[in-house]
Amino acid sequence: MRNNILGGLVIFVVVLTCLLLLDDISNTQEKPSIEDTAQVEQTTNKNDLAIVESNK
């Protein structure tokens, strides 16, 4: 009995995987990909420090 349940579960997972793959293949709508880009500036020997002014 236990082997039947395990075999049924394996078949269910395989069928579900196949259906998901078929859905992905048949859905050919290409969505525009949005890429987040960041620019990094390489600096050498620069001491750009923030200056904090306080009135005492």
N, C-alpha and C. Protein backbone atom coordinates (compact mmCIF):
# COMPACT_ATOMS: atom_id res chain seq x y z
N MET A 1 0.82 -1.20 0.00
CA MET A 1 0.00 0.00 0.00
C MET A 1 0.87 1.26 0.00
N ARG A 2 1.94 1.22 0.76
CA ARG A 2 2.80 2.39 0.88
C ARG A 2 3.48 2.69 -0.45
N ASN A 3 3.86 1.66 -1.20
CA ASN A 3 4.51 1.86 -2.49
C ASN A 3 3.56 2.50 -3.49
N ASN A 4 2.28 2.18 -3.40
CA ASN A 4 1.31 2.77 -4.30
C ASN A 4 1.15 4.26 -4.06
N ILE A 5 1.15 4.67 -2.80
CA ILE A 5 1.02 6.10 -2.47
C ILE A 5 2.26 6.85 -2.94
N LEU A 6 3.42 6.28 -2.70
CA LEU A 6 4.66 6.93 -3.12
C LEU A 6 4.74 7.03 -4.64
N GLY A 7 4.36 5.98 -5.34
CA GLY A 7 4.38 6.00 -6.80
C GLY A 7 3.38 7.01 -7.35
N GLY A 8 2.21 7.08 -6.74
CA GLY A 8 1.21 8.06 -7.17
C GLY A 8 1.69 9.48 -6.96
N LEU A 9 2.37 9.71 -5.85
CA LEU A 9 2.90 11.05 -5.56
C LEU A 9 3.98 11.42 -6.57
N VAL A 10 4.84 10.49 -6.93
CA VAL A 10 5.89 10.76 -7.91
C VAL A 10 5.27 11.08 -9.27
N ILE A 11 4.28 10.31 -9.67
CA ILE A 11 3.61 10.56 -10.96
C ILE A 11 2.92 11.92 -10.95
N PHE A 12 2.29 12.26 -9.83
CA PHE A 12 1.62 13.56 -9.72
C PHE A 12 2.61 14.70 -9.88
N VAL A 13 3.76 14.61 -9.22
CA VAL A 13 4.77 15.67 -9.30
C VAL A 13 5.33 15.77 -10.72
N VAL A 14 5.55 14.64 -11.37
CA VAL A 14 6.08 14.65 -12.73
C VAL A 14 5.07 15.28 -13.69
N VAL A 15 3.79 14.93 -13.56
CA VAL A 15 2.76 15.50 -14.43
C VAL A 15 2.63 16.99 -14.18
N LEU A 16 2.66 17.40 -12.93
CA LEU A 16 2.56 18.82 -12.61
C LEU A 16 3.74 19.60 -13.20
N THR A 17 4.94 19.03 -13.12
CA THR A 17 6.12 19.67 -13.69
C THR A 17 5.99 19.79 -15.21
N CYS A 18 5.51 18.75 -15.85
CA CYS A 18 5.34 18.79 -17.31
C CYS A 18 4.32 19.84 -17.71
N LEU A 19 3.23 19.95 -16.97
CA LEU A 19 2.22 20.96 -17.28
C LEU A 19 2.77 22.38 -17.10
N LEU A 20 3.55 22.58 -16.08
CA LEU A 20 4.15 23.91 -15.88
C LEU A 20 5.13 24.24 -16.98
N LEU A 21 5.91 23.26 -17.43
CA LEU A 21 6.85 23.50 -18.52
C LEU A 21 6.12 23.81 -19.81
N LEU A 22 5.04 23.08 -20.10
CA LEU A 22 4.25 23.37 -21.30
C LEU A 22 3.63 24.76 -21.24
N ASP A 23 3.20 25.17 -20.08
CA ASP A 23 2.63 26.51 -19.93
C ASP A 23 3.68 27.58 -20.19
N ASP A 24 4.90 27.37 -19.68
CA ASP A 24 5.97 28.34 -19.91
C ASP A 24 6.38 28.39 -21.38
N ILE A 25 6.40 27.24 -22.04
CA ILE A 25 6.79 27.20 -23.45
C ILE A 25 5.73 27.85 -24.33
N SER A 26 4.46 27.59 -24.03
CA SER A 26 3.39 28.12 -24.87
C SER A 26 3.16 29.60 -24.66
N ASN A 27 3.55 30.13 -23.52
CA ASN A 27 3.37 31.55 -23.23
C ASN A 27 4.58 32.30 -23.78
N THR A 28 4.45 32.84 -25.01
CA THR A 28 5.59 33.47 -25.67
C THR A 28 5.60 34.98 -25.53
N GLN A 29 4.77 35.52 -24.68
CA GLN A 29 4.77 36.98 -24.48
C GLN A 29 6.04 37.36 -23.74
N GLU A 30 6.80 38.21 -24.38
CA GLU A 30 8.04 38.63 -23.74
C GLU A 30 7.77 39.90 -22.96
N LYS A 31 8.06 39.85 -21.70
CA LYS A 31 7.87 41.00 -20.84
C LYS A 31 9.15 41.83 -20.86
N PRO A 32 9.02 43.14 -20.92
CA PRO A 32 10.24 43.95 -20.91
C PRO A 32 10.94 43.83 -19.55
N SER A 33 12.20 43.57 -19.62
CA SER A 33 12.96 43.44 -18.38
C SER A 33 13.47 44.81 -17.96
N ILE A 34 13.34 45.07 -16.70
CA ILE A 34 13.79 46.35 -16.15
C ILE A 34 15.09 46.07 -15.40
N GLU A 35 16.12 46.74 -15.84
CA GLU A 35 17.42 46.54 -15.20
C GLU A 35 17.76 47.77 -14.36
N ASP A 36 18.07 47.51 -13.12
CA ASP A 36 18.54 48.58 -12.26
C ASP A 36 20.03 48.73 -12.45
N THR A 37 20.44 49.93 -12.80
CA THR A 37 21.86 50.16 -13.02
C THR A 37 22.36 51.21 -12.04
N ALA A 38 23.56 51.07 -11.66
CA ALA A 38 24.20 52.03 -10.78
C ALA A 38 25.57 52.35 -11.36
N GLN A 39 25.94 53.61 -11.28
CA GLN A 39 27.24 54.00 -11.78
C GLN A 39 28.18 54.20 -10.60
N VAL A 40 29.33 53.61 -10.72
CA VAL A 40 30.33 53.71 -9.67
C VAL A 40 31.51 54.48 -10.22
N GLU A 41 31.90 55.50 -9.49
CA GLU A 41 33.02 56.33 -9.93
C GLU A 41 34.25 55.93 -9.13
N GLN A 42 35.30 55.57 -9.85
CA GLN A 42 36.54 55.19 -9.20
C GLN A 42 37.36 56.44 -8.91
N THR A 43 37.70 56.61 -7.67
CA THR A 43 38.50 57.77 -7.29
C THR A 43 39.77 57.29 -6.59
N THR A 44 40.85 58.00 -6.84
CA THR A 44 42.10 57.67 -6.17
C THR A 44 42.66 58.93 -5.53
N ASN A 45 43.07 58.78 -4.31
CA ASN A 45 43.71 59.86 -3.54
C ASN A 45 42.86 61.12 -3.46
N LYS A 46 41.57 60.95 -3.28
CA LYS A 46 40.71 62.11 -3.08
C LYS A 46 40.15 62.05 -1.68
N ASN A 47 40.17 63.17 -1.02
CA ASN A 47 39.62 63.24 0.32
C ASN A 47 38.39 64.14 0.30
N ASP A 48 37.31 63.61 -0.19
CA ASP A 48 36.06 64.36 -0.21
C ASP A 48 35.29 64.04 1.06
N LEU A 49 35.42 64.91 2.03
CA LEU A 49 34.75 64.70 3.29
C LEU A 49 33.62 65.70 3.46
N ALA A 50 32.61 65.31 4.14
CA ALA A 50 31.50 66.21 4.41
C ALA A 50 31.93 67.18 5.51
N ILE A 51 31.56 68.43 5.34
CA ILE A 51 31.91 69.46 6.32
C ILE A 51 30.65 69.83 7.08
N VAL A 52 30.71 69.65 8.37
CA VAL A 52 29.56 69.97 9.20
C VAL A 52 29.88 71.25 9.95
N GLU A 53 29.01 72.25 9.78
CA GLU A 53 29.20 73.53 10.44
C GLU A 53 28.22 73.61 11.60
N SER A 54 28.73 74.01 12.73
CA SER A 54 27.87 74.19 13.89
C SER A 54 28.11 75.57 14.47
N ASN A 55 27.05 76.21 14.88
CA ASN A 55 27.14 77.54 15.47
C ASN A 55 27.06 77.39 16.99
N LYS A 56 28.19 77.68 17.65
CA LYS A 56 28.21 77.58 19.13
C LYS A 56 28.43 78.92 19.73
